[in-house]
């Protein structure tokens, strides 16, 4: 018998730190205009985030960066988001990115946005 799915969302960075993405995401969800956030970083030097922003908020990228930096001050340095990208549309059940109970399907999201994630790690896009 195999358990698939969400055995544990915790992951280990390339620096050997174990991170719990749900706890990190909860901190950044306190930013009012962030509708969804996915923290990734398995096997990478630091975590980064994919964000879905409230379209009505019309927040400039510089404000998002400042708010992310401010929100992360209560986290350990290894848990802080260093880079992020704003997704073109919110994650959805129809796109198979969310479960029927609206939990993140991290594996699918990471596969779908693999090129974007790679660019964030290599260029800092």
PDB file of N, CA and C in Angstrom:
ATOM      1  N   UNK A   1       0.842  -1.163   0.000  1.00  0.00           N
ATOM      2  CA  UNK A   1       0.000   0.000   0.000  1.00  0.00           C
ATOM      3  C   UNK A   1       0.893   1.234   0.000  1.00  0.00           C
ATOM      4  N   UNK A   2       0.537   2.209  -0.830  1.00  0.00           N
ATOM      5  CA  UNK A   2       1.271   3.458  -0.915  1.00  0.00           C
ATOM      6  C   UNK A   2       0.334   4.604  -0.601  1.00  0.00           C
ATOM      7  N   UNK A   3       0.864   5.589   0.100  1.00  0.00           N
ATOM      8  CA  UNK A   3       0.099   6.806   0.358  1.00  0.00           C
ATOM      9  C   UNK A   3       0.601   7.844  -0.619  1.00  0.00           C
ATOM     10  N   UNK A   4      -0.303   8.393  -1.404  1.00  0.00           N
ATOM     11  CA  UNK A   4       0.111   9.435  -2.340  1.00  0.00           C
ATOM     12  C   UNK A   4      -0.461  10.755  -1.871  1.00  0.00           C
ATOM     13  N   UNK A   5       0.125  11.824  -2.352  1.00  0.00           N
ATOM     14  CA  UNK A   5      -0.388  13.133  -1.979  1.00  0.00           C
ATOM     15  C   UNK A   5       0.357  13.742  -0.824  1.00  0.00           C
ATOM     16  N   UNK A   6      -0.364  14.243   0.147  1.00  0.00           N
ATOM     17  CA  UNK A   6       0.150  15.107   1.171  1.00  0.00           C
ATOM     18  C   UNK A   6       0.627  14.376   2.415  1.00  0.00           C
ATOM     19  N   UNK A   7       1.557  13.424   2.291  1.00  0.00           N
ATOM     20  CA  UNK A   7       2.123  12.787   3.483  1.00  0.00           C
ATOM     21  C   UNK A   7       2.711  13.856   4.372  1.00  0.00           C
ATOM     22  N   UNK A   8       3.527  14.657   3.774  1.00  0.00           N
ATOM     23  CA  UNK A   8       4.118  15.778   4.480  1.00  0.00           C
ATOM     24  C   UNK A   8       4.555  16.779   3.436  1.00  0.00           C
ATOM     25  N   UNK A   9       4.147  18.010   3.582  1.00  0.00           N
ATOM     26  CA  UNK A   9       4.553  19.036   2.641  1.00  0.00           C
ATOM     27  C   UNK A   9       5.927  19.582   2.983  1.00  0.00           C
ATOM     28  N   UNK A  10       6.451  19.218   4.149  1.00  0.00           N
ATOM     29  CA  UNK A  10       7.768  19.717   4.553  1.00  0.00           C
ATOM     30  C   UNK A  10       8.811  19.287   3.542  1.00  0.00           C
ATOM     31  N   UNK A  11       9.779  20.165   3.318  1.00  0.00           N
ATOM     32  CA  UNK A  11      10.854  19.835   2.399  1.00  0.00           C
ATOM     33  C   UNK A  11      12.189  20.305   2.953  1.00  0.00           C
ATOM     34  N   UNK A  12      13.239  19.727   2.385  1.00  0.00           N
ATOM     35  CA  UNK A  12      14.593  20.046   2.810  1.00  0.00           C
ATOM     36  C   UNK A  12      15.261  20.882   1.726  1.00  0.00           C
ATOM     37  N   UNK A  13      15.860  21.996   2.120  1.00  0.00           N
ATOM     38  CA  UNK A  13      16.570  22.830   1.161  1.00  0.00           C
ATOM     39  C   UNK A  13      17.949  22.224   0.890  1.00  0.00           C
ATOM     40  N   UNK A  14      18.645  22.764  -0.084  1.00  0.00           N
ATOM     41  CA  UNK A  14      19.981  22.256  -0.400  1.00  0.00           C
ATOM     42  C   UNK A  14      20.980  22.571   0.709  1.00  0.00           C
ATOM     43  N   UNK A  15      20.614  23.489   1.595  1.00  0.00           N
ATOM     44  CA  UNK A  15      21.487  23.825   2.725  1.00  0.00           C
ATOM     45  C   UNK A  15      21.211  22.948   3.938  1.00  0.00           C
ATOM     46  N   UNK A  16      20.267  22.002   3.804  1.00  0.00           N
ATOM     47  CA  UNK A  16      19.981  21.059   4.878  1.00  0.00           C
ATOM     48  C   UNK A  16      18.889  21.476   5.844  1.00  0.00           C
ATOM     49  N   UNK A  17      18.234  22.591   5.602  1.00  0.00           N
ATOM     50  CA  UNK A  17      17.153  23.058   6.477  1.00  0.00           C
ATOM     51  C   UNK A  17      15.833  22.426   6.074  1.00  0.00           C
ATOM     52  N   UNK A  18      15.081  21.980   7.072  1.00  0.00           N
ATOM     53  CA  UNK A  18      13.731  21.488   6.836  1.00  0.00           C
ATOM     54  C   UNK A  18      12.767  22.654   6.990  1.00  0.00           C
ATOM     55  N   UNK A  19      11.882  22.821   6.010  1.00  0.00           N
ATOM     56  CA  UNK A  19      10.907  23.911   6.051  1.00  0.00           C
ATOM     57  C   UNK A  19       9.494  23.361   5.899  1.00  0.00           C
ATOM     58  N   UNK A  20       8.570  23.979   6.603  1.00  0.00           N
ATOM     59  CA  UNK A  20       7.149  23.623   6.497  1.00  0.00           C
ATOM     60  C   UNK A  20       6.456  24.734   5.706  1.00  0.00           C
ATOM     61  N   UNK A  21       6.184  24.508   4.418  1.00  0.00           N
ATOM     62  CA  UNK A  21       5.647  25.583   3.586  1.00  0.00           C
ATOM     63  C   UNK A  21       4.311  26.143   4.074  1.00  0.00           C
ATOM     64  N   UNK A  22       3.452  25.316   4.634  1.00  0.00           N
ATOM     65  CA  UNK A  22       2.147  25.808   5.086  1.00  0.00           C
ATOM     66  C   UNK A  22       2.297  26.868   6.179  1.00  0.00           C
ATOM     67  N   UNK A  23       3.254  26.680   7.068  1.00  0.00           N
ATOM     68  CA  UNK A  23       3.479  27.667   8.125  1.00  0.00           C
ATOM     69  C   UNK A  23       4.026  28.973   7.552  1.00  0.00           C
ATOM     70  N   UNK A  24       4.916  28.863   6.584  1.00  0.00           N
ATOM     71  CA  UNK A  24       5.470  30.056   5.941  1.00  0.00           C
ATOM     72  C   UNK A  24       4.369  30.779   5.165  1.00  0.00           C
ATOM     73  N   UNK A  25       3.564  30.021   4.437  1.00  0.00           N
ATOM     74  CA  UNK A  25       2.466  30.607   3.660  1.00  0.00           C
ATOM     75  C   UNK A  25       1.489  31.348   4.554  1.00  0.00           C
ATOM     76  N   UNK A  26       1.222  30.808   5.735  1.00  0.00           N
ATOM     77  CA  UNK A  26       0.284  31.451   6.662  1.00  0.00           C
ATOM     78  C   UNK A  26       0.766  32.841   7.063  1.00  0.00           C
ATOM     79  N   UNK A  27       2.057  32.996   7.243  1.00  0.00           N
ATOM     80  CA  UNK A  27       2.613  34.304   7.608  1.00  0.00           C
ATOM     81  C   UNK A  27       2.369  35.316   6.496  1.00  0.00           C
ATOM     82  N   UNK A  28       2.645  34.913   5.266  1.00  0.00           N
ATOM     83  CA  UNK A  28       2.514  35.839   4.138  1.00  0.00           C
ATOM     84  C   UNK A  28       1.062  36.063   3.716  1.00  0.00           C
ATOM     85  N   UNK A  29       0.170  35.152   4.073  1.00  0.00           N
ATOM     86  CA  UNK A  29      -1.256  35.345   3.765  1.00  0.00           C
ATOM     87  C   UNK A  29      -1.854  36.498   4.566  1.00  0.00           C
ATOM     88  N   UNK A  30      -1.131  36.988   5.550  1.00  0.00           N
ATOM     89  CA  UNK A  30      -1.601  38.150   6.313  1.00  0.00           C
ATOM     90  C   UNK A  30      -1.554  39.419   5.469  1.00  0.00           C
ATOM     91  N   UNK A  31      -0.834  39.399   4.366  1.00  0.00           N
ATOM     92  CA  UNK A  31      -0.807  40.548   3.452  1.00  0.00           C
ATOM     93  C   UNK A  31      -2.164  40.561   2.743  1.00  0.00           C
ATOM     94  N   UNK A  32      -2.939  41.631   2.904  1.00  0.00           N
ATOM     95  CA  UNK A  32      -4.355  41.618   2.478  1.00  0.00           C
ATOM     96  C   UNK A  32      -4.625  41.315   1.008  1.00  0.00           C
ATOM     97  N   UNK A  33      -3.783  41.725   0.111  1.00  0.00           N
ATOM     98  CA  UNK A  33      -4.064  41.538  -1.313  1.00  0.00           C
ATOM     99  C   UNK A  33      -3.561  40.207  -1.872  1.00  0.00           C
ATOM    100  N   UNK A  34      -2.870  39.406  -1.066  1.00  0.00           N
ATOM    101  CA  UNK A  34      -2.440  38.086  -1.530  1.00  0.00           C
ATOM    102  C   UNK A  34      -3.603  37.118  -1.363  1.00  0.00           C
ATOM    103  N   UNK A  35      -4.079  36.578  -2.489  1.00  0.00           N
ATOM    104  CA  UNK A  35      -5.185  35.628  -2.456  1.00  0.00           C
ATOM    105  C   UNK A  35      -4.691  34.203  -2.248  1.00  0.00           C
ATOM    106  N   UNK A  36      -3.575  33.871  -2.892  1.00  0.00           N
ATOM    107  CA  UNK A  36      -2.995  32.527  -2.781  1.00  0.00           C
ATOM    108  C   UNK A  36      -1.480  32.649  -2.805  1.00  0.00           C
ATOM    109  N   UNK A  37      -0.825  31.716  -2.119  1.00  0.00           N
ATOM    110  CA  UNK A  37       0.628  31.673  -2.123  1.00  0.00           C
ATOM    111  C   UNK A  37       1.067  30.219  -2.081  1.00  0.00           C
ATOM    112  N   UNK A  38       2.086  29.907  -2.858  1.00  0.00           N
ATOM    113  CA  UNK A  38       2.680  28.574  -2.858  1.00  0.00           C
ATOM    114  C   UNK A  38       4.174  28.763  -2.617  1.00  0.00           C
ATOM    115  N   UNK A  39       4.673  28.202  -1.542  1.00  0.00           N
ATOM    116  CA  UNK A  39       6.098  28.264  -1.226  1.00  0.00           C
ATOM    117  C   UNK A  39       6.753  26.997  -1.763  1.00  0.00           C
ATOM    118  N   UNK A  40       7.809  27.178  -2.547  1.00  0.00           N
ATOM    119  CA  UNK A  40       8.568  26.052  -3.099  1.00  0.00           C
ATOM    120  C   UNK A  40      10.044  26.220  -2.730  1.00  0.00           C
ATOM    121  N   UNK A  41      10.793  25.126  -2.829  1.00  0.00           N
ATOM    122  CA  UNK A  41      12.203  25.219  -2.512  1.00  0.00           C
ATOM    123  C   UNK A  41      12.866  23.896  -2.206  1.00  0.00           C
ATOM    124  N   UNK A  42      12.191  22.794  -2.485  1.00  0.00           N
ATOM    125  CA  UNK A  42      12.765  21.468  -2.219  1.00  0.00           C
ATOM    126  C   UNK A  42      14.076  21.319  -2.987  1.00  0.00           C
ATOM    127  N   UNK A  43      15.166  21.072  -2.232  1.00  0.00           N
ATOM    128  CA  UNK A  43      16.465  20.871  -2.843  1.00  0.00           C
ATOM    129  C   UNK A  43      17.120  22.136  -3.380  1.00  0.00           C
ATOM    130  N   UNK A  44      16.555  23.273  -3.067  1.00  0.00           N
ATOM    131  CA  UNK A  44      17.078  24.564  -3.529  1.00  0.00           C
ATOM    132  C   UNK A  44      17.689  25.313  -2.347  1.00  0.00           C
ATOM    133  N   UNK A  45      18.462  26.369  -2.604  1.00  0.00           N
ATOM    134  CA  UNK A  45      19.146  27.059  -1.497  1.00  0.00           C
ATOM    135  C   UNK A  45      18.232  27.882  -0.595  1.00  0.00           C
ATOM    136  N   UNK A  46      17.073  28.298  -1.077  1.00  0.00           N
ATOM    137  CA  UNK A  46      16.149  29.116  -0.281  1.00  0.00           C
ATOM    138  C   UNK A  46      14.743  28.960  -0.848  1.00  0.00           C
ATOM    139  N   UNK A  47      13.725  29.290  -0.046  1.00  0.00           N
ATOM    140  CA  UNK A  47      12.356  29.196  -0.553  1.00  0.00           C
ATOM    141  C   UNK A  47      11.988  30.416  -1.402  1.00  0.00           C
ATOM    142  N   UNK A  48      11.122  30.196  -2.352  1.00  0.00           N
ATOM    143  CA  UNK A  48      10.544  31.302  -3.099  1.00  0.00           C
ATOM    144  C   UNK A  48       9.043  31.079  -3.168  1.00  0.00           C
ATOM    145  N   UNK A  49       8.324  32.083  -3.642  1.00  0.00           N
ATOM    146  CA  UNK A  49       6.863  32.008  -3.624  1.00  0.00           C
ATOM    147  C   UNK A  49       6.254  32.320  -4.980  1.00  0.00           C
ATOM    148  N   UNK A  50       5.173  31.628  -5.270  1.00  0.00           N
ATOM    149  CA  UNK A  50       4.317  31.937  -6.403  1.00  0.00           C
ATOM    150  C   UNK A  50       3.064  32.551  -5.795  1.00  0.00           C
ATOM    151  N   UNK A  51       2.689  33.734  -6.273  1.00  0.00           N
ATOM    152  CA  UNK A  51       1.586  34.483  -5.673  1.00  0.00           C
ATOM    153  C   UNK A  51       0.443  34.698  -6.645  1.00  0.00           C
ATOM    154  N   UNK A  52      -0.768  34.643  -6.121  1.00  0.00           N
ATOM    155  CA  UNK A  52      -1.940  35.097  -6.849  1.00  0.00           C
ATOM    156  C   UNK A  52      -2.418  36.341  -6.099  1.00  0.00           C
ATOM    157  N   UNK A  53      -2.465  37.452  -6.809  1.00  0.00           N
ATOM    158  CA  UNK A  53      -2.788  38.751  -6.211  1.00  0.00           C
ATOM    159  C   UNK A  53      -4.210  39.151  -6.593  1.00  0.00           C
ATOM    160  N   UNK A  54      -4.900  39.801  -5.671  1.00  0.00           N
ATOM    161  CA  UNK A  54      -6.229  40.344  -5.942  1.00  0.00           C
ATOM    162  C   UNK A  54      -6.112  41.361  -7.077  1.00  0.00           C
ATOM    163  N   UNK A  55      -6.749  41.072  -8.198  1.00  0.00           N
ATOM    164  CA  UNK A  55      -6.650  41.925  -9.380  1.00  0.00           C
ATOM    165  C   UNK A  55      -7.165  43.341  -9.113  1.00  0.00           C
ATOM    166  N   UNK A  56      -8.140  43.474  -8.246  1.00  0.00           N
ATOM    167  CA  UNK A  56      -8.700  44.787  -7.943  1.00  0.00           C
ATOM    168  C   UNK A  56      -7.737  45.657  -7.135  1.00  0.00           C
ATOM    169  N   UNK A  57      -6.760  45.045  -6.508  1.00  0.00           N
ATOM    170  CA  UNK A  57      -5.841  45.793  -5.650  1.00  0.00           C
ATOM    171  C   UNK A  57      -4.855  46.643  -6.454  1.00  0.00           C
ATOM    172  N   UNK A  58      -4.460  46.210  -7.642  1.00  0.00           N
ATOM    173  CA  UNK A  58      -3.528  46.948  -8.497  1.00  0.00           C
ATOM    174  C   UNK A  58      -2.303  47.428  -7.722  1.00  0.00           C
ATOM    175  N   UNK A  59      -1.620  46.490  -7.108  1.00  0.00           N
ATOM    176  CA  UNK A  59      -0.457  46.789  -6.277  1.00  0.00           C
ATOM    177  C   UNK A  59       0.806  46.713  -7.138  1.00  0.00           C
ATOM    178  N   UNK A  60       1.680  47.729  -7.088  1.00  0.00           N
ATOM    179  CA  UNK A  60       2.920  47.663  -7.868  1.00  0.00           C
ATOM    180  C   UNK A  60       3.890  46.618  -7.299  1.00  0.00           C
ATOM    181  N   UNK A  61       4.731  46.085  -8.184  1.00  0.00           N
ATOM    182  CA  UNK A  61       5.701  45.046  -7.795  1.00  0.00           C
ATOM    183  C   UNK A  61       6.579  45.492  -6.626  1.00  0.00           C
ATOM    184  N   UNK A  62       6.961  46.756  -6.617  1.00  0.00           N
ATOM    185  CA  UNK A  62       7.831  47.254  -5.545  1.00  0.00           C
ATOM    186  C   UNK A  62       7.125  47.203  -4.184  1.00  0.00           C
ATOM    187  N   UNK A  63       5.826  47.457  -4.163  1.00  0.00           N
ATOM    188  CA  UNK A  63       5.058  47.378  -2.909  1.00  0.00           C
ATOM    189  C   UNK A  63       4.934  45.936  -2.448  1.00  0.00           C
ATOM    190  N   UNK A  64       4.724  45.030  -3.394  1.00  0.00           N
ATOM    191  CA  UNK A  64       4.643  43.602  -3.055  1.00  0.00           C
ATOM    192  C   UNK A  64       5.960  43.168  -2.420  1.00  0.00           C
ATOM    193  N   UNK A  65       7.083  43.545  -3.034  1.00  0.00           N
ATOM    194  CA  UNK A  65       8.407  43.177  -2.512  1.00  0.00           C
ATOM    195  C   UNK A  65       8.609  43.722  -1.102  1.00  0.00           C
ATOM    196  N   UNK A  66       8.221  44.977  -0.879  1.00  0.00           N
ATOM    197  CA  UNK A  66       8.381  45.584   0.443  1.00  0.00           C
ATOM    198  C   UNK A  66       7.509  44.889   1.480  1.00  0.00           C
ATOM    199  N   UNK A  67       6.281  44.552   1.115  1.00  0.00           N
ATOM    200  CA  UNK A  67       5.371  43.880   2.051  1.00  0.00           C
ATOM    201  C   UNK A  67       5.845  42.460   2.364  1.00  0.00           C
ATOM    202  N   UNK A  68       6.390  41.771   1.366  1.00  0.00           N
ATOM    203  CA  UNK A  68       6.916  40.415   1.590  1.00  0.00           C
ATOM    204  C   UNK A  68       8.109  40.486   2.544  1.00  0.00           C
ATOM    205  N   UNK A  69       8.981  41.451   2.324  1.00  0.00           N
ATOM    206  CA  UNK A  69      10.142  41.596   3.199  1.00  0.00           C
ATOM    207  C   UNK A  69       9.701  41.913   4.630  1.00  0.00           C
ATOM    208  N   UNK A  70       8.745  42.812   4.786  1.00  0.00           N
ATOM    209  CA  UNK A  70       8.263  43.191   6.119  1.00  0.00           C
ATOM    210  C   UNK A  70       7.584  42.017   6.818  1.00  0.00           C
ATOM    211  N   UNK A  71       6.764  41.265   6.088  1.00  0.00           N
ATOM    212  CA  UNK A  71       6.048  40.137   6.692  1.00  0.00           C
ATOM    213  C   UNK A  71       7.004  39.038   7.137  1.00  0.00           C
ATOM    214  N   UNK A  72       8.133  38.898   6.456  1.00  0.00           N
ATOM    215  CA  UNK A  72       9.072  37.838   6.766  1.00  0.00           C
ATOM    216  C   UNK A  72       9.983  38.102   7.942  1.00  0.00           C
ATOM    217  N   UNK A  73       9.924  39.296   8.522  1.00  0.00           N
ATOM    218  CA  UNK A  73      10.850  39.621   9.613  1.00  0.00           C
ATOM    219  C   UNK A  73      10.659  38.733  10.838  1.00  0.00           C
ATOM    220  N   UNK A  74       9.484  38.180  11.022  1.00  0.00           N
ATOM    221  CA  UNK A  74       9.235  37.305  12.166  1.00  0.00           C
ATOM    222  C   UNK A  74       9.661  35.864  11.939  1.00  0.00           C
ATOM    223  N   UNK A  75      10.093  35.549  10.732  1.00  0.00           N
ATOM    224  CA  UNK A  75      10.518  34.187  10.396  1.00  0.00           C
ATOM    225  C   UNK A  75      12.027  34.047  10.545  1.00  0.00           C
ATOM    226  N   UNK A  76      12.479  32.816  10.661  1.00  0.00           N
ATOM    227  CA  UNK A  76      13.914  32.540  10.652  1.00  0.00           C
ATOM    228  C   UNK A  76      14.455  32.908   9.270  1.00  0.00           C
ATOM    229  N   UNK A  77      15.714  33.330   9.180  1.00  0.00           N
ATOM    230  CA  UNK A  77      16.264  33.717   7.874  1.00  0.00           C
ATOM    231  C   UNK A  77      16.090  32.652   6.785  1.00  0.00           C
ATOM    232  N   UNK A  78      16.205  31.390   7.124  1.00  0.00           N
ATOM    233  CA  UNK A  78      16.069  30.315   6.133  1.00  0.00           C
ATOM    234  C   UNK A  78      14.632  30.165   5.644  1.00  0.00           C
ATOM    235  N   UNK A  79      13.650  30.705   6.373  1.00  0.00           N
ATOM    236  CA  UNK A  79      12.240  30.580   6.001  1.00  0.00           C
ATOM    237  C   UNK A  79      11.728  31.758   5.188  1.00  0.00           C
ATOM    238  N   UNK A  80      12.474  32.828   5.119  1.00  0.00           N
ATOM    239  CA  UNK A  80      12.015  34.047   4.446  1.00  0.00           C
ATOM    240  C   UNK A  80      12.024  33.893   2.936  1.00  0.00           C
ATOM    241  N   UNK A  81      10.996  34.446   2.310  1.00  0.00           N
ATOM    242  CA  UNK A  81      10.884  34.441   0.858  1.00  0.00           C
ATOM    243  C   UNK A  81      11.869  35.470   0.307  1.00  0.00           C
ATOM    244  N   UNK A  82      12.763  35.018  -0.547  1.00  0.00           N
ATOM    245  CA  UNK A  82      13.749  35.927  -1.141  1.00  0.00           C
ATOM    246  C   UNK A  82      13.340  36.390  -2.528  1.00  0.00           C
ATOM    247  N   UNK A  83      12.633  35.542  -3.244  1.00  0.00           N
ATOM    248  CA  UNK A  83      12.169  35.893  -4.585  1.00  0.00           C
ATOM    249  C   UNK A  83      10.736  35.394  -4.743  1.00  0.00           C
ATOM    250  N   UNK A  84      10.009  36.038  -5.633  1.00  0.00           N
ATOM    251  CA  UNK A  84       8.621  35.647  -5.864  1.00  0.00           C
ATOM    252  C   UNK A  84       8.224  35.986  -7.287  1.00  0.00           C
ATOM    253  N   UNK A  85       7.120  35.405  -7.710  1.00  0.00           N
ATOM    254  CA  UNK A  85       6.532  35.721  -9.011  1.00  0.00           C
ATOM    255  C   UNK A  85       5.025  35.811  -8.820  1.00  0.00           C
ATOM    256  N   UNK A  86       4.419  36.727  -9.544  1.00  0.00           N
ATOM    257  CA  UNK A  86       2.965  36.861  -9.521  1.00  0.00           C
ATOM    258  C   UNK A  86       2.421  36.026 -10.670  1.00  0.00           C
ATOM    259  N   UNK A  87       1.533  35.107 -10.342  1.00  0.00           N
ATOM    260  CA  UNK A  87       0.942  34.218 -11.350  1.00  0.00           C
ATOM    261  C   UNK A  87      -0.039  34.991 -12.226  1.00  0.00           C
ATOM    262  N   UNK A  88      -0.193  34.587 -13.483  1.00  0.00           N
ATOM    263  CA  UNK A  88      -1.099  35.291 -14.399  1.00  0.00           C
ATOM    264  C   UNK A  88      -2.576  35.171 -14.002  1.00  0.00           C
ATOM    265  N   UNK A  89      -2.929  34.088 -13.312  1.00  0.00           N
ATOM    266  CA  UNK A  89      -4.304  33.907 -12.831  1.00  0.00           C
ATOM    267  C   UNK A  89      -4.252  33.084 -11.549  1.00  0.00           C
ATOM    268  N   UNK A  90      -5.307  33.160 -10.751  1.00  0.00           N
ATOM    269  CA  UNK A  90      -5.325  32.370  -9.514  1.00  0.00           C
ATOM    270  C   UNK A  90      -5.298  30.876  -9.789  1.00  0.00           C
ATOM    271  N   UNK A  91      -4.805  30.114  -8.841  1.00  0.00           N
ATOM    272  CA  UNK A  91      -4.827  28.661  -8.926  1.00  0.00           C
ATOM    273  C   UNK A  91      -6.268  28.190  -8.863  1.00  0.00           C
ATOM    274  N   UNK A  92      -6.569  27.092  -9.556  1.00  0.00           N
ATOM    275  CA  UNK A  92      -7.972  26.660  -9.590  1.00  0.00           C
ATOM    276  C   UNK A  92      -8.109  25.141  -9.563  1.00  0.00           C
ATOM    277  N   UNK A  93      -9.279  24.707  -9.159  1.00  0.00           N
ATOM    278  CA  UNK A  93      -9.639  23.296  -9.171  1.00  0.00           C
ATOM    279  C   UNK A  93      -9.731  22.804 -10.618  1.00  0.00           C
ATOM    280  N   UNK A  94     -10.287  23.642 -11.497  1.00  0.00           N
ATOM    281  CA  UNK A  94     -10.471  23.265 -12.896  1.00  0.00           C
ATOM    282  C   UNK A  94      -9.137  22.985 -13.591  1.00  0.00           C
ATOM    283  N   UNK A  95      -8.080  23.693 -13.188  1.00  0.00           N
ATOM    284  CA  UNK A  95      -6.747  23.490 -13.778  1.00  0.00           C
ATOM    285  C   UNK A  95      -5.986  22.390 -13.051  1.00  0.00           C
ATOM    286  N   UNK A  96      -6.658  21.693 -12.119  1.00  0.00           N
ATOM    287  CA  UNK A  96      -6.076  20.590 -11.360  1.00  0.00           C
ATOM    288  C   UNK A  96      -4.966  21.049 -10.401  1.00  0.00           C
ATOM    289  N   UNK A  97      -4.952  22.333 -10.070  1.00  0.00           N
ATOM    290  CA  UNK A  97      -3.944  22.876  -9.159  1.00  0.00           C
ATOM    291  C   UNK A  97      -4.403  22.810  -7.703  1.00  0.00           C
ATOM    292  N   UNK A  98      -5.706  22.629  -7.515  1.00  0.00           N
ATOM    293  CA  UNK A  98      -6.294  22.527  -6.180  1.00  0.00           C
ATOM    294  C   UNK A  98      -7.120  21.256  -6.091  1.00  0.00           C
ATOM    295  N   UNK A  99      -7.208  20.701  -4.889  1.00  0.00           N
ATOM    296  CA  UNK A  99      -8.063  19.541  -4.651  1.00  0.00           C
ATOM    297  C   UNK A  99      -9.515  20.013  -4.562  1.00  0.00           C
ATOM    298  N   UNK A 100     -10.486  19.097  -4.535  1.00  0.00           N
ATOM    299  CA  UNK A 100     -11.876  19.521  -4.362  1.00  0.00           C
ATOM    300  C   UNK A 100     -12.103  20.324  -3.068  1.00  0.00           C
ATOM    301  N   UNK A 101     -11.257  20.083  -2.051  1.00  0.00           N
ATOM    302  CA  UNK A 101     -11.390  20.855  -0.804  1.00  0.00           C
ATOM    303  C   UNK A 101     -10.482  22.095  -0.815  1.00  0.00           C
ATOM    304  N   UNK A 102      -9.974  22.457  -2.015  1.00  0.00           N
ATOM    305  CA  UNK A 102      -9.179  23.656  -2.264  1.00  0.00           C
ATOM    306  C   UNK A 102      -7.814  23.674  -1.591  1.00  0.00           C
ATOM    307  N   UNK A 103      -7.249  22.491  -1.361  1.00  0.00           N
ATOM    308  CA  UNK A 103      -5.868  22.400  -0.882  1.00  0.00           C
ATOM    309  C   UNK A 103      -4.946  22.415  -2.094  1.00  0.00           C
ATOM    310  N   UNK A 104      -3.739  22.920  -1.894  1.00  0.00           N
ATOM    311  CA  UNK A 104      -2.779  23.020  -2.989  1.00  0.00           C
ATOM    312  C   UNK A 104      -2.292  21.641  -3.429  1.00  0.00           C
ATOM    313  N   UNK A 105      -2.179  21.454  -4.720  1.00  0.00           N
ATOM    314  CA  UNK A 105      -1.533  20.265  -5.282  1.00  0.00           C
ATOM    315  C   UNK A 105      -0.124  20.701  -5.671  1.00  0.00           C
ATOM    316  N   UNK A 106       0.752  20.689  -4.678  1.00  0.00           N
ATOM    317  CA  UNK A 106       2.091  21.247  -4.841  1.00  0.00           C
ATOM    318  C   UNK A 106       2.868  20.641  -5.996  1.00  0.00           C
ATOM    319  N   UNK A 107       2.810  19.330  -6.134  1.00  0.00           N
ATOM    320  CA  UNK A 107       3.548  18.669  -7.206  1.00  0.00           C
ATOM    321  C   UNK A 107       3.112  19.147  -8.580  1.00  0.00           C
ATOM    322  N   UNK A 108       1.819  19.239  -8.779  1.00  0.00           N
ATOM    323  CA  UNK A 108       1.284  19.690 -10.067  1.00  0.00           C
ATOM    324  C   UNK A 108       1.636  21.152 -10.305  1.00  0.00           C
ATOM    325  N   UNK A 109       1.511  21.969  -9.274  1.00  0.00           N
ATOM    326  CA  UNK A 109       1.835  23.391  -9.401  1.00  0.00           C
ATOM    327  C   UNK A 109       3.317  23.569  -9.742  1.00  0.00           C
ATOM    328  N   UNK A 110       4.177  22.820  -9.048  1.00  0.00           N
ATOM    329  CA  UNK A 110       5.619  22.924  -9.325  1.00  0.00           C
ATOM    330  C   UNK A 110       5.948  22.465 -10.742  1.00  0.00           C
ATOM    331  N   UNK A 111       5.269  21.427 -11.238  1.00  0.00           N
ATOM    332  CA  UNK A 111       5.501  20.975 -12.615  1.00  0.00           C
ATOM    333  C   UNK A 111       5.020  22.015 -13.617  1.00  0.00           C
ATOM    334  N   UNK A 112       3.839  22.544 -13.384  1.00  0.00           N
ATOM    335  CA  UNK A 112       3.245  23.506 -14.311  1.00  0.00           C
ATOM    336  C   UNK A 112       4.091  24.770 -14.425  1.00  0.00           C
ATOM    337  N   UNK A 113       4.628  25.217 -13.312  1.00  0.00           N
ATOM    338  CA  UNK A 113       5.410  26.459 -13.295  1.00  0.00           C
ATOM    339  C   UNK A 113       6.912  26.202 -13.157  1.00  0.00           C
ATOM    340  N   UNK A 114       7.373  25.040 -13.592  1.00  0.00           N
ATOM    341  CA  UNK A 114       8.785  24.663 -13.455  1.00  0.00           C
ATOM    342  C   UNK A 114       9.717  25.657 -14.146  1.00  0.00           C
ATOM    343  N   UNK A 115       9.362  26.129 -15.326  1.00  0.00           N
ATOM    344  CA  UNK A 115      10.222  27.084 -16.038  1.00  0.00           C
ATOM    345  C   UNK A 115      10.319  28.402 -15.276  1.00  0.00           C
ATOM    346  N   UNK A 116       9.204  28.880 -14.775  1.00  0.00           N
ATOM    347  CA  UNK A 116       9.185  30.117 -13.996  1.00  0.00           C
ATOM    348  C   UNK A 116      10.016  29.964 -12.725  1.00  0.00           C
ATOM    349  N   UNK A 117       9.861  28.854 -12.041  1.00  0.00           N
ATOM    350  CA  UNK A 117      10.622  28.593 -10.813  1.00  0.00           C
ATOM    351  C   UNK A 117      12.114  28.551 -11.124  1.00  0.00           C
ATOM    352  N   UNK A 118      12.476  27.878 -12.203  1.00  0.00           N
ATOM    353  CA  UNK A 118      13.891  27.796 -12.588  1.00  0.00           C
ATOM    354  C   UNK A 118      14.453  29.181 -12.887  1.00  0.00           C
ATOM    355  N   UNK A 119      13.684  30.009 -13.598  1.00  0.00           N
ATOM    356  CA  UNK A 119      14.135  31.377 -13.887  1.00  0.00           C
ATOM    357  C   UNK A 119      14.334  32.190 -12.616  1.00  0.00           C
ATOM    358  N   UNK A 120      13.452  32.017 -11.647  1.00  0.00           N
ATOM    359  CA  UNK A 120      13.587  32.744 -10.378  1.00  0.00           C
ATOM    360  C   UNK A 120      14.865  32.361  -9.655  1.00  0.00           C
ATOM    361  N   UNK A 121      15.224  31.094  -9.716  1.00  0.00           N
ATOM    362  CA  UNK A 121      16.455  30.653  -9.057  1.00  0.00           C
ATOM    363  C   UNK A 121      17.704  31.054  -9.831  1.00  0.00           C
ATOM    364  N   UNK A 122      17.633  31.069 -11.144  1.00  0.00           N
ATOM    365  CA  UNK A 122      18.834  31.363 -11.926  1.00  0.00           C
ATOM    366  C   UNK A 122      19.030  32.853 -12.192  1.00  0.00           C
ATOM    367  N   UNK A 123      17.959  33.560 -12.576  1.00  0.00           N
ATOM    368  CA  UNK A 123      18.080  34.977 -12.935  1.00  0.00           C
ATOM    369  C   UNK A 123      17.677  35.917 -11.811  1.00  0.00           C
ATOM    370  N   UNK A 124      16.812  35.441 -10.952  1.00  0.00           N
ATOM    371  CA  UNK A 124      16.215  36.349  -9.993  1.00  0.00           C
ATOM    372  C   UNK A 124      15.038  37.072 -10.618  1.00  0.00           C
ATOM    373  N   UNK A 125      14.616  36.611 -11.810  1.00  0.00           N
ATOM    374  CA  UNK A 125      13.527  37.221 -12.585  1.00  0.00           C
ATOM    375  C   UNK A 125      12.649  37.978 -11.723  1.00  0.00           C
TER     376      UNK A 125
END
